[in-house]
Amino acid sequence: MDYRVVLDPAGERTWKGRCVSGDEEDCGAESLVLGSEQAPTDWMAVHTKQTGHERFERIYKDYALVRKVE
């Protein structure tokens, strides 16, 4: 059987940013879990302005459904 994965329209999508700048260890500062892609982008820009840090991990989470292809 063939299956396909689709976005679950009932599932929440979230975005978060985490600062991974640092020589010896990561800064580790994190944005809140936010409901749009732009919000952590804005947080990263503010964090960079305040600290000079430029390297971030972007974390995206969603929910998926697996459907049988007829």
PDB file of N, CA and C in Angstrom:
ATOM      1  N   MET A   1       0.831  -1.184   0.000  1.00  0.00           N
ATOM      2  CA  MET A   1       0.000   0.000   0.000  1.00  0.00           C
ATOM      3  C   MET A   1       0.872   1.242   0.000  1.00  0.00           C
ATOM      4  N   ASP A   2       0.382   2.260  -0.678  1.00  0.00           N
ATOM      5  CA  ASP A   2       1.082   3.541  -0.706  1.00  0.00           C
ATOM      6  C   ASP A   2       0.410   4.498   0.268  1.00  0.00           C
ATOM      7  N   TYR A   3       1.236   5.293   0.903  1.00  0.00           N
ATOM      8  CA  TYR A   3       0.748   6.280   1.859  1.00  0.00           C
ATOM      9  C   TYR A   3       1.340   7.636   1.541  1.00  0.00           C
ATOM     10  N   ARG A   4       0.672   8.666   1.998  1.00  0.00           N
ATOM     11  CA  ARG A   4       1.210  10.022   1.879  1.00  0.00           C
ATOM     12  C   ARG A   4       1.032  10.726   3.221  1.00  0.00           C
ATOM     13  N   VAL A   5       1.906  11.648   3.484  1.00  0.00           N
ATOM     14  CA  VAL A   5       1.864  12.411   4.726  1.00  0.00           C
ATOM     15  C   VAL A   5       1.364  13.813   4.397  1.00  0.00           C
ATOM     16  N   VAL A   6       0.369  14.255   5.156  1.00  0.00           N
ATOM     17  CA  VAL A   6      -0.209  15.580   4.944  1.00  0.00           C
ATOM     18  C   VAL A   6      -0.261  16.331   6.269  1.00  0.00           C
ATOM     19  N   LEU A   7      -0.248  17.648   6.178  1.00  0.00           N
ATOM     20  CA  LEU A   7      -0.369  18.496   7.350  1.00  0.00           C
ATOM     21  C   LEU A   7      -1.732  18.277   8.000  1.00  0.00           C
ATOM     22  N   ASP A   8      -1.749  18.081   9.306  1.00  0.00           N
ATOM     23  CA  ASP A   8      -3.003  17.938  10.046  1.00  0.00           C
ATOM     24  C   ASP A   8      -3.584  19.331  10.263  1.00  0.00           C
ATOM     25  N   PRO A   9      -4.714  19.660   9.613  1.00  0.00           N
ATOM     26  CA  PRO A   9      -5.263  21.009   9.742  1.00  0.00           C
ATOM     27  C   PRO A   9      -5.741  21.326  11.159  1.00  0.00           C
ATOM     28  N   ALA A  10      -5.995  20.304  11.968  1.00  0.00           N
ATOM     29  CA  ALA A  10      -6.436  20.525  13.347  1.00  0.00           C
ATOM     30  C   ALA A  10      -5.256  20.692  14.298  1.00  0.00           C
ATOM     31  N   GLY A  11      -4.052  20.384  13.836  1.00  0.00           N
ATOM     32  CA  GLY A  11      -2.861  20.461  14.688  1.00  0.00           C
ATOM     33  C   GLY A  11      -2.277  21.860  14.721  1.00  0.00           C
ATOM     34  N   GLU A  12      -1.723  22.204  15.847  1.00  0.00           N
ATOM     35  CA  GLU A  12      -1.085  23.508  16.010  1.00  0.00           C
ATOM     36  C   GLU A  12       0.310  23.484  15.394  1.00  0.00           C
ATOM     37  N   ARG A  13       0.700  24.580  14.751  1.00  0.00           N
ATOM     38  CA  ARG A  13       2.067  24.743  14.251  1.00  0.00           C
ATOM     39  C   ARG A  13       2.745  25.779  15.132  1.00  0.00           C
ATOM     40  N   THR A  14       3.984  25.493  15.544  1.00  0.00           N
ATOM     41  CA  THR A  14       4.703  26.421  16.405  1.00  0.00           C
ATOM     42  C   THR A  14       6.127  26.618  15.916  1.00  0.00           C
ATOM     43  N   TRP A  15       6.698  27.757  16.269  1.00  0.00           N
ATOM     44  CA  TRP A  15       8.057  28.119  15.924  1.00  0.00           C
ATOM     45  C   TRP A  15       8.761  28.625  17.168  1.00  0.00           C
ATOM     46  N   LYS A  16      10.073  28.421  17.214  1.00  0.00           N
ATOM     47  CA  LYS A  16      10.882  28.878  18.348  1.00  0.00           C
ATOM     48  C   LYS A  16      12.297  29.126  17.841  1.00  0.00           C
ATOM     49  N   GLY A  17      12.993  30.042  18.479  1.00  0.00           N
ATOM     50  CA  GLY A  17      14.392  30.297  18.164  1.00  0.00           C
ATOM     51  C   GLY A  17      15.244  30.029  19.390  1.00  0.00           C
ATOM     52  N   ARG A  18      16.470  29.530  19.167  1.00  0.00           N
ATOM     53  CA  ARG A  18      17.409  29.267  20.258  1.00  0.00           C
ATOM     54  C   ARG A  18      18.792  29.727  19.812  1.00  0.00           C
ATOM     55  N   CYS A  19      19.443  30.531  20.638  1.00  0.00           N
ATOM     56  CA  CYS A  19      20.768  31.048  20.302  1.00  0.00           C
ATOM     57  C   CYS A  19      21.821  29.972  20.545  1.00  0.00           C
ATOM     58  N   VAL A  20      22.578  29.663  19.509  1.00  0.00           N
ATOM     59  CA  VAL A  20      23.652  28.671  19.617  1.00  0.00           C
ATOM     60  C   VAL A  20      25.021  29.330  19.376  1.00  0.00           C
ATOM     61  N   SER A  21      25.079  30.643  19.559  1.00  0.00           N
ATOM     62  CA  SER A  21      26.352  31.360  19.458  1.00  0.00           C
ATOM     63  C   SER A  21      27.182  31.081  20.698  1.00  0.00           C
ATOM     64  N   GLY A  22      28.463  31.101  20.538  1.00  0.00           N
ATOM     65  CA  GLY A  22      29.368  30.927  21.669  1.00  0.00           C
ATOM     66  C   GLY A  22      30.582  30.112  21.277  1.00  0.00           C
ATOM     67  N   ASP A  23      31.709  30.407  21.894  1.00  0.00           N
ATOM     68  CA  ASP A  23      32.953  29.699  21.594  1.00  0.00           C
ATOM     69  C   ASP A  23      33.038  28.372  22.339  1.00  0.00           C
ATOM     70  N   GLU A  24      32.917  28.421  23.642  1.00  0.00           N
ATOM     71  CA  GLU A  24      33.045  27.213  24.471  1.00  0.00           C
ATOM     72  C   GLU A  24      31.721  26.462  24.590  1.00  0.00           C
ATOM     73  N   GLU A  25      30.626  27.204  24.772  1.00  0.00           N
ATOM     74  CA  GLU A  25      29.303  26.582  24.852  1.00  0.00           C
ATOM     75  C   GLU A  25      28.268  27.553  24.307  1.00  0.00           C
ATOM     76  N   ASP A  26      27.099  27.018  23.948  1.00  0.00           N
ATOM     77  CA  ASP A  26      26.033  27.839  23.371  1.00  0.00           C
ATOM     78  C   ASP A  26      25.513  28.845  24.380  1.00  0.00           C
ATOM     79  N   CYS A  27      25.085  30.006  23.897  1.00  0.00           N
ATOM     80  CA  CYS A  27      24.423  31.002  24.738  1.00  0.00           C
ATOM     81  C   CYS A  27      23.190  30.365  25.382  1.00  0.00           C
ATOM     82  N   GLY A  28      22.366  29.687  24.557  1.00  0.00           N
ATOM     83  CA  GLY A  28      21.208  28.957  25.073  1.00  0.00           C
ATOM     84  C   GLY A  28      19.955  29.772  25.267  1.00  0.00           C
ATOM     85  N   ALA A  29      19.988  31.077  25.029  1.00  0.00           N
ATOM     86  CA  ALA A  29      18.778  31.883  25.161  1.00  0.00           C
ATOM     87  C   ALA A  29      17.743  31.390  24.160  1.00  0.00           C
ATOM     88  N   GLU A  30      16.478  31.336  24.585  1.00  0.00           N
ATOM     89  CA  GLU A  30      15.408  30.835  23.719  1.00  0.00           C
ATOM     90  C   GLU A  30      14.236  31.795  23.704  1.00  0.00           C
ATOM     91  N   SER A  31      13.600  31.881  22.546  1.00  0.00           N
ATOM     92  CA  SER A  31      12.353  32.630  22.455  1.00  0.00           C
ATOM     93  C   SER A  31      11.247  31.796  23.092  1.00  0.00           C
ATOM     94  N   LEU A  32      10.126  32.407  23.274  1.00  0.00           N
ATOM     95  CA  LEU A  32       8.952  31.649  23.664  1.00  0.00           C
ATOM     96  C   LEU A  32       8.536  30.772  22.488  1.00  0.00           C
ATOM     97  N   VAL A  33       7.693  29.785  22.733  1.00  0.00           N
ATOM     98  CA  VAL A  33       7.094  29.019  21.645  1.00  0.00           C
ATOM     99  C   VAL A  33       6.008  29.906  21.066  1.00  0.00           C
ATOM    100  N   LEU A  34       6.107  30.173  19.779  1.00  0.00           N
ATOM    101  CA  LEU A  34       5.258  31.179  19.160  1.00  0.00           C
ATOM    102  C   LEU A  34       4.458  30.604  18.005  1.00  0.00           C
ATOM    103  N   GLY A  35       3.353  31.255  17.685  1.00  0.00           N
ATOM    104  CA  GLY A  35       2.432  30.738  16.680  1.00  0.00           C
ATOM    105  C   GLY A  35       2.615  31.281  15.279  1.00  0.00           C
ATOM    106  N   SER A  36       3.758  31.887  15.000  1.00  0.00           N
ATOM    107  CA  SER A  36       4.022  32.334  13.632  1.00  0.00           C
ATOM    108  C   SER A  36       5.521  32.303  13.376  1.00  0.00           C
ATOM    109  N   GLU A  37       5.893  32.183  12.121  1.00  0.00           N
ATOM    110  CA  GLU A  37       7.310  32.138  11.764  1.00  0.00           C
ATOM    111  C   GLU A  37       7.998  33.474  11.997  1.00  0.00           C
ATOM    112  N   GLN A  38       7.268  34.571  11.844  1.00  0.00           N
ATOM    113  CA  GLN A  38       7.875  35.899  11.978  1.00  0.00           C
ATOM    114  C   GLN A  38       8.264  36.216  13.415  1.00  0.00           C
ATOM    115  N   ALA A  39       7.510  35.739  14.393  1.00  0.00           N
ATOM    116  CA  ALA A  39       7.762  36.085  15.794  1.00  0.00           C
ATOM    117  C   ALA A  39       9.157  35.655  16.275  1.00  0.00           C
ATOM    118  N   PRO A  40       9.606  34.407  16.057  1.00  0.00           N
ATOM    119  CA  PRO A  40      10.966  34.083  16.480  1.00  0.00           C
ATOM    120  C   PRO A  40      12.030  34.785  15.641  1.00  0.00           C
ATOM    121  N   THR A  41      11.713  35.107  14.399  1.00  0.00           N
ATOM    122  CA  THR A  41      12.641  35.878  13.571  1.00  0.00           C
ATOM    123  C   THR A  41      12.870  37.247  14.201  1.00  0.00           C
ATOM    124  N   ASP A  42      11.785  37.874  14.649  1.00  0.00           N
ATOM    125  CA  ASP A  42      11.904  39.169  15.325  1.00  0.00           C
ATOM    126  C   ASP A  42      12.708  39.026  16.616  1.00  0.00           C
ATOM    127  N   TRP A  43      12.458  37.954  17.379  1.00  0.00           N
ATOM    128  CA  TRP A  43      13.184  37.728  18.626  1.00  0.00           C
ATOM    129  C   TRP A  43      14.683  37.572  18.336  1.00  0.00           C
ATOM    130  N   MET A  44      15.036  36.815  17.291  1.00  0.00           N
ATOM    131  CA  MET A  44      16.446  36.627  16.942  1.00  0.00           C
ATOM    132  C   MET A  44      17.110  37.960  16.600  1.00  0.00           C
ATOM    133  N   ALA A  45      16.398  38.817  15.877  1.00  0.00           N
ATOM    134  CA  ALA A  45      16.949  40.123  15.513  1.00  0.00           C
ATOM    135  C   ALA A  45      17.213  40.970  16.753  1.00  0.00           C
ATOM    136  N   VAL A  46      16.293  40.964  17.702  1.00  0.00           N
ATOM    137  CA  VAL A  46      16.477  41.724  18.945  1.00  0.00           C
ATOM    138  C   VAL A  46      17.641  41.137  19.751  1.00  0.00           C
ATOM    139  N   HIS A  47      17.714  39.811  19.837  1.00  0.00           N
ATOM    140  CA  HIS A  47      18.801  39.169  20.580  1.00  0.00           C
ATOM    141  C   HIS A  47      20.156  39.512  19.958  1.00  0.00           C
ATOM    142  N   THR A  48      20.235  39.507  18.644  1.00  0.00           N
ATOM    143  CA  THR A  48      21.478  39.873  17.957  1.00  0.00           C
ATOM    144  C   THR A  48      21.855  41.315  18.256  1.00  0.00           C
ATOM    145  N   LYS A  49      20.863  42.203  18.215  1.00  0.00           N
ATOM    146  CA  LYS A  49      21.137  43.619  18.499  1.00  0.00           C
ATOM    147  C   LYS A  49      21.654  43.799  19.925  1.00  0.00           C
ATOM    148  N   GLN A  50      21.094  43.051  20.875  1.00  0.00           N
ATOM    149  CA  GLN A  50      21.478  43.193  22.279  1.00  0.00           C
ATOM    150  C   GLN A  50      22.816  42.522  22.603  1.00  0.00           C
ATOM    151  N   THR A  51      23.150  41.426  21.914  1.00  0.00           N
ATOM    152  CA  THR A  51      24.297  40.611  22.299  1.00  0.00           C
ATOM    153  C   THR A  51      25.394  40.503  21.244  1.00  0.00           C
ATOM    154  N   GLY A  52      25.041  40.753  19.991  1.00  0.00           N
ATOM    155  CA  GLY A  52      25.988  40.528  18.896  1.00  0.00           C
ATOM    156  C   GLY A  52      25.998  39.082  18.421  1.00  0.00           C
ATOM    157  N   HIS A  53      25.236  38.217  19.050  1.00  0.00           N
ATOM    158  CA  HIS A  53      25.178  36.806  18.646  1.00  0.00           C
ATOM    159  C   HIS A  53      24.462  36.680  17.304  1.00  0.00           C
ATOM    160  N   GLU A  54      24.969  35.802  16.447  1.00  0.00           N
ATOM    161  CA  GLU A  54      24.436  35.703  15.084  1.00  0.00           C
ATOM    162  C   GLU A  54      24.028  34.306  14.663  1.00  0.00           C
ATOM    163  N   ARG A  55      24.188  33.314  15.515  1.00  0.00           N
ATOM    164  CA  ARG A  55      23.901  31.934  15.097  1.00  0.00           C
ATOM    165  C   ARG A  55      22.757  31.370  15.945  1.00  0.00           C
ATOM    166  N   PHE A  56      21.718  30.884  15.256  1.00  0.00           N
ATOM    167  CA  PHE A  56      20.516  30.412  15.929  1.00  0.00           C
ATOM    168  C   PHE A  56      20.054  29.077  15.367  1.00  0.00           C
ATOM    169  N   GLU A  57      19.392  28.328  16.207  1.00  0.00           N
ATOM    170  CA  GLU A  57      18.669  27.131  15.790  1.00  0.00           C
ATOM    171  C   GLU A  57      17.208  27.543  15.673  1.00  0.00           C
ATOM    172  N   ARG A  58      16.605  27.248  14.515  1.00  0.00           N
ATOM    173  CA  ARG A  58      15.176  27.526  14.350  1.00  0.00           C
ATOM    174  C   ARG A  58      14.434  26.211  14.516  1.00  0.00           C
ATOM    175  N   ILE A  59      13.440  26.214  15.363  1.00  0.00           N
ATOM    176  CA  ILE A  59      12.726  24.993  15.710  1.00  0.00           C
ATOM    177  C   ILE A  59      11.273  25.144  15.273  1.00  0.00           C
ATOM    178  N   TYR A  60      10.845  24.249  14.391  1.00  0.00           N
ATOM    179  CA  TYR A  60       9.486  24.259  13.864  1.00  0.00           C
ATOM    180  C   TYR A  60       8.827  22.941  14.231  1.00  0.00           C
ATOM    181  N   LYS A  61       7.574  23.012  14.653  1.00  0.00           N
ATOM    182  CA  LYS A  61       6.852  21.791  15.005  1.00  0.00           C
ATOM    183  C   LYS A  61       5.457  21.855  14.411  1.00  0.00           C
ATOM    184  N   ASP A  62       5.046  20.732  13.833  1.00  0.00           N
ATOM    185  CA  ASP A  62       3.678  20.617  13.355  1.00  0.00           C
ATOM    186  C   ASP A  62       3.183  19.197  13.568  1.00  0.00           C
ATOM    187  N   TYR A  63       1.976  18.958  13.170  1.00  0.00           N
ATOM    188  CA  TYR A  63       1.377  17.631  13.280  1.00  0.00           C
ATOM    189  C   TYR A  63       0.995  17.160  11.884  1.00  0.00           C
ATOM    190  N   ALA A  64       1.145  15.880  11.666  1.00  0.00           N
ATOM    191  CA  ALA A  64       0.886  15.310  10.343  1.00  0.00           C
ATOM    192  C   ALA A  64      -0.077  14.132  10.445  1.00  0.00           C
ATOM    193  N   LEU A  65      -0.728  13.883   9.341  1.00  0.00           N
ATOM    194  CA  LEU A  65      -1.585  12.713   9.199  1.00  0.00           C
ATOM    195  C   LEU A  65      -1.010  11.836   8.098  1.00  0.00           C
ATOM    196  N   VAL A  66      -1.096  10.531   8.260  1.00  0.00           N
ATOM    197  CA  VAL A  66      -0.679   9.600   7.220  1.00  0.00           C
ATOM    198  C   VAL A  66      -1.951   9.037   6.607  1.00  0.00           C
ATOM    199  N   ARG A  67      -2.074   9.198   5.295  1.00  0.00           N
ATOM    200  CA  ARG A  67      -3.270   8.762   4.581  1.00  0.00           C
ATOM    201  C   ARG A  67      -2.921   7.703   3.548  1.00  0.00           C
ATOM    202  N   LYS A  68      -3.780   6.717   3.430  1.00  0.00           N
ATOM    203  CA  LYS A  68      -3.593   5.705   2.402  1.00  0.00           C
ATOM    204  C   LYS A  68      -3.976   6.301   1.050  1.00  0.00           C
ATOM    205  N   VAL A  69      -3.125   6.084   0.054  1.00  0.00           N
ATOM    206  CA  VAL A  69      -3.405   6.549  -1.290  1.00  0.00           C
ATOM    207  C   VAL A  69      -4.299   5.508  -1.943  1.00  0.00           C
ATOM    208  N   GLU A  70      -5.414   5.952  -2.424  1.00  0.00           N
ATOM    209  CA  GLU A  70      -6.387   5.019  -3.066  1.00  0.00           C
ATOM    210  C   GLU A  70      -5.959   4.689  -4.481  1.00  0.00           C
TER     211      GLU A  70
END
